């Protein structure tokens, strides 16, 4: 069966972006760098054209496409985090040097790519069969920028903020 690898478009900074991502996200590495064999819209001969890489075990491709293309929230990279410490570390790394917090666990990194930094507790809490508990978790989440597991769990229990 064919494999699907998301391809991220950059304008000359694919190599810097990929090096940044693999330095922040665990279980990540660069697999292959393809350079331009001649001057092209993607860059001068010898510069990076395509990079194959892995983030958290998922294969990606980055390309220097030769022009600036804006990303939107219509596509984001969701990263599951087992602990609050992992949420905090990834949040700090991905918002560093020009990244921007958004809301409800979303952020935009310095390259304009949207990320969802999600504690694994969130789907469990939101999926509670008790609609009152799940509703309190939803309300708590909607009031957050970076997600806070302790506050989400407190909302689920009905503890006053």
N, C-alpha and C. Protein backbone atom coordinates (compact mmCIF):
# COMPACT_ATOMS: atom_id res chain seq x y z
N UNK A 1 0.84 -1.18 0.00
CA UNK A 1 0.00 0.00 0.00
C UNK A 1 0.88 1.24 0.00
N UNK A 2 0.42 2.28 -0.66
CA UNK A 2 1.14 3.54 -0.71
C UNK A 2 1.18 4.17 0.68
N UNK A 3 2.22 4.91 0.96
CA UNK A 3 2.37 5.65 2.21
C UNK A 3 2.11 7.11 1.95
N UNK A 4 1.58 7.80 2.94
CA UNK A 4 1.33 9.24 2.82
C UNK A 4 2.32 9.97 3.70
N UNK A 5 3.02 10.93 3.12
CA UNK A 5 3.96 11.77 3.86
C UNK A 5 3.58 13.22 3.63
N UNK A 6 3.21 13.95 4.68
CA UNK A 6 2.92 15.37 4.50
C UNK A 6 4.15 16.09 3.95
N UNK A 7 3.92 17.01 3.03
CA UNK A 7 5.00 17.80 2.43
C UNK A 7 4.81 19.26 2.83
N UNK A 8 5.82 19.82 3.46
CA UNK A 8 5.80 21.21 3.92
C UNK A 8 6.59 22.07 2.94
N UNK A 9 6.02 23.16 2.51
CA UNK A 9 6.59 24.06 1.51
C UNK A 9 7.30 25.21 2.21
N UNK A 10 8.51 25.49 1.81
CA UNK A 10 9.29 26.60 2.36
C UNK A 10 9.87 27.42 1.22
N UNK A 11 10.33 28.60 1.56
CA UNK A 11 10.96 29.49 0.59
C UNK A 11 12.42 29.71 0.98
N UNK A 12 13.22 28.65 0.83
CA UNK A 12 14.65 28.77 1.10
C UNK A 12 15.07 28.38 2.49
N UNK A 13 14.12 28.16 3.41
CA UNK A 13 14.53 27.83 4.77
C UNK A 13 14.08 26.44 5.22
N UNK A 14 13.89 25.53 4.27
CA UNK A 14 13.48 24.16 4.60
C UNK A 14 14.50 23.49 5.51
N UNK A 15 15.78 23.66 5.22
CA UNK A 15 16.81 23.00 6.03
C UNK A 15 16.79 23.52 7.47
N UNK A 16 16.70 24.82 7.65
CA UNK A 16 16.66 25.39 9.00
C UNK A 16 15.40 24.93 9.73
N UNK A 17 14.27 24.90 9.03
CA UNK A 17 13.02 24.47 9.66
C UNK A 17 13.10 23.02 10.10
N UNK A 18 13.58 22.16 9.23
CA UNK A 18 13.66 20.73 9.57
C UNK A 18 14.64 20.52 10.72
N UNK A 19 15.78 21.18 10.70
CA UNK A 19 16.72 21.06 11.81
C UNK A 19 16.06 21.51 13.12
N UNK A 20 15.28 22.57 13.07
CA UNK A 20 14.55 23.05 14.24
C UNK A 20 13.56 21.99 14.72
N UNK A 21 12.73 21.46 13.83
CA UNK A 21 11.73 20.47 14.22
C UNK A 21 12.36 19.23 14.83
N UNK A 22 13.41 18.69 14.20
CA UNK A 22 14.00 17.46 14.75
C UNK A 22 14.72 17.73 16.08
N UNK A 23 15.09 18.98 16.35
CA UNK A 23 15.71 19.29 17.63
C UNK A 23 14.68 19.42 18.75
N UNK A 24 13.42 19.72 18.41
CA UNK A 24 12.37 19.95 19.40
C UNK A 24 11.54 18.69 19.66
N UNK A 25 11.22 17.95 18.62
CA UNK A 25 10.29 16.82 18.73
C UNK A 25 11.07 15.52 18.93
N UNK A 26 10.76 14.77 19.99
CA UNK A 26 11.45 13.49 20.22
C UNK A 26 11.18 12.49 19.10
N UNK A 27 12.07 11.49 18.99
CA UNK A 27 11.96 10.43 17.98
C UNK A 27 11.92 11.03 16.58
N UNK A 28 12.85 11.95 16.32
CA UNK A 28 12.88 12.66 15.04
C UNK A 28 14.29 12.65 14.47
N UNK A 29 14.37 12.66 13.14
CA UNK A 29 15.68 12.66 12.48
C UNK A 29 15.53 13.01 11.01
N UNK A 30 16.62 13.46 10.42
CA UNK A 30 16.67 13.73 8.98
C UNK A 30 17.05 12.43 8.29
N UNK A 31 16.32 12.07 7.25
CA UNK A 31 16.59 10.84 6.52
C UNK A 31 17.45 11.08 5.28
N UNK A 32 17.12 12.14 4.53
CA UNK A 32 17.82 12.38 3.26
C UNK A 32 17.69 13.84 2.87
N UNK A 33 18.78 14.39 2.36
CA UNK A 33 18.78 15.76 1.84
C UNK A 33 19.11 15.70 0.35
N UNK A 34 18.22 16.23 -0.47
CA UNK A 34 18.45 16.31 -1.92
C UNK A 34 18.75 17.75 -2.27
N UNK A 35 19.86 17.96 -2.96
CA UNK A 35 20.26 19.32 -3.33
C UNK A 35 19.91 19.60 -4.79
N UNK A 36 19.74 20.85 -5.10
CA UNK A 36 19.51 21.26 -6.49
C UNK A 36 20.74 20.93 -7.31
N UNK A 37 20.53 20.29 -8.44
CA UNK A 37 21.65 19.96 -9.33
C UNK A 37 21.97 21.11 -10.26
N UNK A 38 21.06 22.07 -10.35
CA UNK A 38 21.26 23.27 -11.17
C UNK A 38 20.40 24.38 -10.57
N UNK A 39 20.62 25.59 -11.01
CA UNK A 39 19.77 26.68 -10.54
C UNK A 39 18.32 26.38 -10.95
N UNK A 40 17.41 26.59 -10.02
CA UNK A 40 15.99 26.29 -10.28
C UNK A 40 15.14 27.25 -9.45
N UNK A 41 13.83 27.24 -9.63
CA UNK A 41 12.98 28.10 -8.79
C UNK A 41 13.15 27.80 -7.29
N UNK A 42 13.57 26.57 -6.95
CA UNK A 42 13.78 26.19 -5.56
C UNK A 42 15.10 26.66 -4.97
N UNK A 43 15.99 27.19 -5.79
CA UNK A 43 17.26 27.69 -5.28
C UNK A 43 18.41 27.47 -6.25
N UNK A 44 19.55 27.95 -5.85
CA UNK A 44 20.76 27.83 -6.67
C UNK A 44 21.30 26.40 -6.61
N UNK A 45 22.09 26.03 -7.59
CA UNK A 45 22.73 24.71 -7.62
C UNK A 45 23.48 24.50 -6.30
N UNK A 46 23.29 23.32 -5.73
CA UNK A 46 23.96 22.97 -4.48
C UNK A 46 23.16 23.26 -3.22
N UNK A 47 22.13 24.10 -3.34
CA UNK A 47 21.31 24.40 -2.16
C UNK A 47 20.27 23.29 -1.97
N UNK A 48 19.69 23.24 -0.79
CA UNK A 48 18.72 22.20 -0.47
C UNK A 48 17.44 22.40 -1.27
N UNK A 49 16.98 21.31 -1.90
CA UNK A 49 15.71 21.31 -2.62
C UNK A 49 14.65 20.56 -1.79
N UNK A 50 14.97 19.33 -1.40
CA UNK A 50 14.02 18.48 -0.68
C UNK A 50 14.72 17.81 0.50
N UNK A 51 14.01 17.71 1.62
CA UNK A 51 14.53 16.98 2.78
C UNK A 51 13.44 16.00 3.21
N UNK A 52 13.83 14.74 3.35
CA UNK A 52 12.95 13.74 3.95
C UNK A 52 13.35 13.63 5.41
N UNK A 53 12.34 13.63 6.30
CA UNK A 53 12.64 13.58 7.72
C UNK A 53 11.51 12.90 8.47
N UNK A 54 11.78 12.55 9.72
CA UNK A 54 10.81 11.89 10.59
C UNK A 54 10.61 12.76 11.81
N UNK A 55 9.34 13.00 12.16
CA UNK A 55 8.97 13.69 13.40
C UNK A 55 8.11 12.73 14.21
N UNK A 56 8.56 12.41 15.41
CA UNK A 56 7.82 11.52 16.31
C UNK A 56 7.38 10.25 15.59
N UNK A 57 8.27 9.72 14.76
CA UNK A 57 7.99 8.48 14.05
C UNK A 57 7.22 8.63 12.75
N UNK A 58 6.74 9.81 12.41
CA UNK A 58 5.98 10.06 11.18
C UNK A 58 6.89 10.68 10.12
N UNK A 59 6.88 10.11 8.93
CA UNK A 59 7.71 10.64 7.84
C UNK A 59 7.07 11.90 7.26
N UNK A 60 7.93 12.88 6.96
CA UNK A 60 7.54 14.13 6.32
C UNK A 60 8.52 14.43 5.19
N UNK A 61 8.13 15.37 4.35
CA UNK A 61 9.00 15.91 3.31
C UNK A 61 8.93 17.43 3.42
N UNK A 62 10.06 18.08 3.24
CA UNK A 62 10.09 19.55 3.17
C UNK A 62 10.72 19.91 1.83
N UNK A 63 10.17 20.94 1.20
CA UNK A 63 10.67 21.37 -0.10
C UNK A 63 10.86 22.88 -0.09
N UNK A 64 11.95 23.33 -0.70
CA UNK A 64 12.13 24.75 -0.96
C UNK A 64 11.49 25.01 -2.31
N UNK A 65 10.29 25.57 -2.30
CA UNK A 65 9.50 25.70 -3.51
C UNK A 65 9.79 26.93 -4.35
N UNK A 66 10.53 27.89 -3.82
CA UNK A 66 10.91 29.03 -4.63
C UNK A 66 10.04 30.26 -4.48
N UNK A 67 9.00 30.18 -3.67
CA UNK A 67 8.20 31.37 -3.39
C UNK A 67 7.54 31.19 -2.03
N UNK A 68 7.14 32.29 -1.44
CA UNK A 68 6.50 32.28 -0.13
C UNK A 68 5.06 31.82 -0.28
N UNK A 69 4.67 30.82 0.51
CA UNK A 69 3.30 30.35 0.55
C UNK A 69 2.87 30.36 2.01
N UNK A 70 1.74 30.98 2.28
CA UNK A 70 1.25 31.08 3.66
C UNK A 70 0.52 29.81 4.06
N UNK A 71 0.80 29.35 5.27
CA UNK A 71 0.05 28.23 5.85
C UNK A 71 -1.21 28.77 6.50
N UNK A 72 -2.20 27.90 6.70
CA UNK A 72 -3.41 28.28 7.42
C UNK A 72 -3.67 27.23 8.51
N UNK A 73 -4.64 27.54 9.37
CA UNK A 73 -5.03 26.59 10.41
C UNK A 73 -5.82 25.42 9.84
N UNK A 74 -6.14 25.46 8.55
CA UNK A 74 -6.90 24.38 7.95
C UNK A 74 -6.14 23.05 8.00
N UNK A 75 -4.84 23.12 8.13
CA UNK A 75 -4.01 21.93 8.31
C UNK A 75 -3.05 22.23 9.44
N UNK A 76 -3.01 21.33 10.40
CA UNK A 76 -2.10 21.53 11.54
C UNK A 76 -1.44 20.21 11.87
N UNK A 77 -0.37 20.29 12.63
CA UNK A 77 0.32 19.11 13.11
C UNK A 77 -0.05 18.94 14.58
N UNK A 78 -0.70 17.83 14.90
CA UNK A 78 -1.11 17.56 16.28
C UNK A 78 -0.07 16.65 16.92
N UNK A 79 0.35 17.02 18.11
CA UNK A 79 1.35 16.22 18.81
C UNK A 79 0.81 15.86 20.19
N UNK A 80 0.70 14.55 20.44
CA UNK A 80 0.19 14.05 21.71
C UNK A 80 1.29 14.08 22.76
N UNK A 81 0.92 14.51 23.97
CA UNK A 81 1.87 14.62 25.07
C UNK A 81 1.35 13.86 26.27
N UNK A 82 2.17 12.99 26.82
CA UNK A 82 1.77 12.18 27.96
C UNK A 82 1.68 12.97 29.25
N UNK A 83 2.51 13.99 29.40
CA UNK A 83 2.59 14.72 30.67
C UNK A 83 2.54 16.23 30.45
N UNK A 84 2.28 16.94 31.53
CA UNK A 84 2.32 18.40 31.46
C UNK A 84 3.73 18.88 31.15
N UNK A 85 4.73 18.20 31.68
CA UNK A 85 6.12 18.58 31.40
C UNK A 85 6.41 18.50 29.90
N UNK A 86 5.87 17.49 29.25
CA UNK A 86 6.07 17.35 27.80
C UNK A 86 5.32 18.46 27.05
N UNK A 87 4.10 18.77 27.48
CA UNK A 87 3.35 19.89 26.89
C UNK A 87 4.18 21.16 27.02
N UNK A 88 4.68 21.43 28.23
CA UNK A 88 5.44 22.65 28.49
C UNK A 88 6.71 22.73 27.63
N UNK A 89 7.44 21.61 27.53
CA UNK A 89 8.70 21.60 26.77
C UNK A 89 8.44 21.83 25.29
N UNK A 90 7.47 21.12 24.73
CA UNK A 90 7.18 21.27 23.30
C UNK A 90 6.61 22.64 23.00
N UNK A 91 5.75 23.15 23.89
CA UNK A 91 5.17 24.48 23.71
C UNK A 91 6.28 25.53 23.68
N UNK A 92 7.18 25.45 24.65
CA UNK A 92 8.28 26.41 24.71
C UNK A 92 9.17 26.30 23.47
N UNK A 93 9.48 25.10 23.05
CA UNK A 93 10.33 24.91 21.88
C UNK A 93 9.69 25.42 20.61
N UNK A 94 8.42 25.09 20.40
CA UNK A 94 7.76 25.46 19.14
C UNK A 94 7.38 26.94 19.07
N UNK A 95 7.23 27.59 20.22
CA UNK A 95 6.92 29.03 20.19
C UNK A 95 8.18 29.89 20.27
N UNK A 96 9.34 29.27 20.43
CA UNK A 96 10.58 30.03 20.57
C UNK A 96 10.90 30.81 19.30
N UNK A 97 11.54 31.94 19.48
CA UNK A 97 12.10 32.73 18.37
C UNK A 97 11.08 33.06 17.28
N UNK A 98 9.91 33.53 17.68
CA UNK A 98 8.95 34.00 16.69
C UNK A 98 7.69 33.18 16.58
N UNK A 99 7.59 32.05 17.29
CA UNK A 99 6.34 31.31 17.30
C UNK A 99 5.30 32.09 18.09
N UNK A 100 4.01 31.78 17.85
CA UNK A 100 2.95 32.54 18.51
C UNK A 100 1.90 31.59 19.09
N UNK A 101 1.60 31.76 20.38
CA UNK A 101 0.49 31.01 20.97
C UNK A 101 -0.81 31.44 20.30
N UNK A 102 -1.75 30.53 20.18
CA UNK A 102 -3.04 30.87 19.59
C UNK A 102 -4.10 30.68 20.68
N UNK A 103 -4.73 29.52 20.76
CA UNK A 103 -5.75 29.23 21.76
C UNK A 103 -6.02 27.74 21.78
N UNK A 104 -6.49 27.23 22.91
CA UNK A 104 -6.94 25.84 23.04
C UNK A 104 -5.86 24.83 22.65
N UNK A 105 -4.60 25.13 23.00
CA UNK A 105 -3.51 24.21 22.69
C UNK A 105 -2.89 24.39 21.32
N UNK A 106 -3.36 25.38 20.58
CA UNK A 106 -2.82 25.64 19.24
C UNK A 106 -1.74 26.71 19.32
N UNK A 107 -0.78 26.59 18.42
CA UNK A 107 0.26 27.61 18.27
C UNK A 107 0.70 27.63 16.81
N UNK A 108 1.35 28.70 16.45
CA UNK A 108 1.97 28.80 15.13
C UNK A 108 3.46 28.96 15.35
N UNK A 109 4.26 28.10 14.72
CA UNK A 109 5.70 28.18 14.93
C UNK A 109 6.32 29.31 14.10
N UNK A 110 7.60 29.50 14.24
CA UNK A 110 8.29 30.61 13.57
C UNK A 110 8.22 30.53 12.05
N UNK A 111 7.88 29.37 11.50
CA UNK A 111 7.77 29.20 10.05
C UNK A 111 6.33 29.31 9.56
N UNK A 112 5.40 29.54 10.49
CA UNK A 112 4.01 29.73 10.12
C UNK A 112 3.16 28.47 10.14
N UNK A 113 3.73 27.35 10.56
CA UNK A 113 2.99 26.09 10.61
C UNK A 113 2.22 26.01 11.92
N UNK A 114 0.95 25.59 11.83
CA UNK A 114 0.09 25.44 13.00
C UNK A 114 0.31 24.08 13.64
N UNK A 115 0.37 24.09 14.96
CA UNK A 115 0.54 22.89 15.77
C UNK A 115 -0.56 22.85 16.82
N UNK A 116 -0.96 21.65 17.19
CA UNK A 116 -1.81 21.41 18.34
C UNK A 116 -0.99 20.60 19.33
N UNK A 117 -0.70 21.17 20.49
CA UNK A 117 0.06 20.48 21.53
C UNK A 117 -0.96 19.99 22.54
N UNK A 118 -1.25 18.68 22.49
CA UNK A 118 -2.41 18.13 23.17
C UNK A 118 -2.01 17.08 24.20
N UNK A 119 -2.37 17.30 25.47
CA UNK A 119 -2.13 16.25 26.46
C UNK A 119 -3.06 15.06 26.18
N UNK A 120 -2.56 13.85 26.33
CA UNK A 120 -3.37 12.66 26.05
C UNK A 120 -4.58 12.57 26.97
N UNK A 121 -4.57 13.28 28.08
CA UNK A 121 -5.72 13.29 28.98
C UNK A 121 -6.93 13.99 28.36
N UNK A 122 -6.71 14.92 27.45
CA UNK A 122 -7.81 15.73 26.93
C UNK A 122 -8.90 14.90 26.25
N UNK A 123 -8.59 14.03 25.29
CA UNK A 123 -9.68 13.26 24.66
C UNK A 123 -10.44 12.39 25.67
N UNK A 124 -9.73 11.85 26.63
CA UNK A 124 -10.38 11.03 27.66
C UNK A 124 -11.37 11.87 28.46
N UNK A 125 -10.93 13.05 28.89
CA UNK A 125 -11.79 13.93 29.69
C UNK A 125 -12.97 14.47 28.87
N UNK A 126 -12.70 14.88 27.64
CA UNK A 126 -13.78 15.38 26.77
C UNK A 126 -14.76 14.28 26.38
N UNK A 127 -14.27 13.05 26.37
CA UNK A 127 -15.11 11.92 25.97
C UNK A 127 -15.86 11.28 27.11
N UNK A 128 -15.84 11.88 28.28
CA UNK A 128 -16.56 11.31 29.42
C UNK A 128 -18.04 11.17 29.05
N UNK A 129 -18.66 10.02 29.37
CA UNK A 129 -20.07 9.85 29.05
C UNK A 129 -21.00 10.80 29.80
N UNK A 130 -20.51 11.39 30.88
CA UNK A 130 -21.30 12.38 31.62
C UNK A 130 -21.15 13.72 30.91
N UNK A 131 -22.22 14.22 30.27
CA UNK A 131 -22.11 15.46 29.50
C UNK A 131 -21.78 16.68 30.37
N UNK A 132 -22.11 16.63 31.65
CA UNK A 132 -21.79 17.75 32.53
C UNK A 132 -20.28 17.82 32.75
N UNK A 133 -19.66 16.67 33.02
CA UNK A 133 -18.21 16.64 33.21
C UNK A 133 -17.49 17.05 31.92
N UNK A 134 -17.90 16.44 30.81
CA UNK A 134 -17.27 16.76 29.52
C UNK A 134 -17.46 18.24 29.18
N UNK A 135 -18.62 18.78 29.49
CA UNK A 135 -18.88 20.20 29.22
C UNK A 135 -17.99 21.12 30.03
N UNK A 136 -17.76 20.75 31.30
CA UNK A 136 -16.86 21.57 32.13
C UNK A 136 -15.44 21.54 31.57
N UNK A 137 -15.01 20.38 31.08
CA UNK A 137 -13.67 20.28 30.48
C UNK A 137 -13.60 21.15 29.23
N UNK A 138 -14.64 21.10 28.39
CA UNK A 138 -14.67 21.93 27.18
C UNK A 138 -14.60 23.41 27.53
N UNK A 139 -15.37 23.82 28.51
CA UNK A 139 -15.35 25.23 28.92
C UNK A 139 -13.96 25.63 29.43
N UNK A 140 -13.35 24.77 30.21
CA UNK A 140 -12.00 25.06 30.72
C UNK A 140 -11.01 25.18 29.57
N UNK A 141 -11.08 24.23 28.63
CA UNK A 141 -10.15 24.25 27.49
C UNK A 141 -10.32 25.52 26.66
N UNK A 142 -11.56 25.93 26.44
CA UNK A 142 -11.82 27.11 25.63
C UNK A 142 -11.23 28.38 26.24
N UNK A 143 -11.00 28.36 27.55
CA UNK A 143 -10.40 29.51 28.22
C UNK A 143 -8.89 29.46 28.31
N UNK A 144 -8.28 28.45 27.74
CA UNK A 144 -6.82 28.28 27.82
C UNK A 144 -6.14 28.63 26.51
N UNK A 145 -4.89 28.96 26.62
CA UNK A 145 -4.01 29.07 25.45
C UNK A 145 -3.21 27.77 25.42
N UNK A 146 -2.17 27.66 26.25
CA UNK A 146 -1.47 26.38 26.41
C UNK A 146 -2.33 25.53 27.34
N UNK A 147 -2.53 24.26 26.99
CA UNK A 147 -3.38 23.41 27.80
C UNK A 147 -2.69 23.01 29.10
N UNK A 148 -3.48 22.98 30.16
CA UNK A 148 -3.01 22.70 31.51
C UNK A 148 -3.78 21.48 32.02
N UNK A 149 -3.10 20.34 32.12
CA UNK A 149 -3.73 19.08 32.50
C UNK A 149 -4.39 19.19 33.87
N UNK A 150 -3.72 19.77 34.85
CA UNK A 150 -4.28 19.88 36.19
C UNK A 150 -5.58 20.67 36.19
N UNK A 151 -5.63 21.75 35.44
CA UNK A 151 -6.85 22.56 35.37
C UNK A 151 -7.96 21.83 34.62
N UNK A 152 -7.61 21.07 33.58
CA UNK A 152 -8.60 20.27 32.86
C UNK A 152 -9.19 19.19 33.77
N UNK A 153 -8.32 18.52 34.52
CA UNK A 153 -8.79 17.48 35.44
C UNK A 153 -9.63 18.08 36.57
N UNK A 154 -9.25 19.26 37.05
CA UNK A 154 -10.03 19.94 38.09
C UNK A 154 -11.42 20.29 37.56
N UNK A 155 -11.49 20.73 36.32
CA UNK A 155 -12.78 21.04 35.72
C UNK A 155 -13.62 19.77 35.60
N UNK A 156 -13.02 18.67 35.20
CA UNK A 156 -13.72 17.40 35.08
C UNK A 156 -14.30 16.96 36.43
N UNK A 157 -13.51 17.15 37.50
CA UNK A 157 -13.98 16.79 38.84
C UNK A 157 -15.03 17.77 39.38
N UNK A 158 -15.09 18.97 38.81
CA UNK A 158 -16.01 19.98 39.28
C UNK A 158 -15.42 20.84 40.38
N UNK A 159 -14.08 20.78 40.54
CA UNK A 159 -13.40 21.62 41.53
C UNK A 159 -13.47 23.07 41.08
N UNK A 160 -13.72 23.96 42.03
CA UNK A 160 -13.75 25.39 41.73
C UNK A 160 -12.36 25.85 41.31
N UNK A 161 -12.31 26.75 40.36
CA UNK A 161 -11.02 27.27 39.85
C UNK A 161 -10.39 28.21 40.84
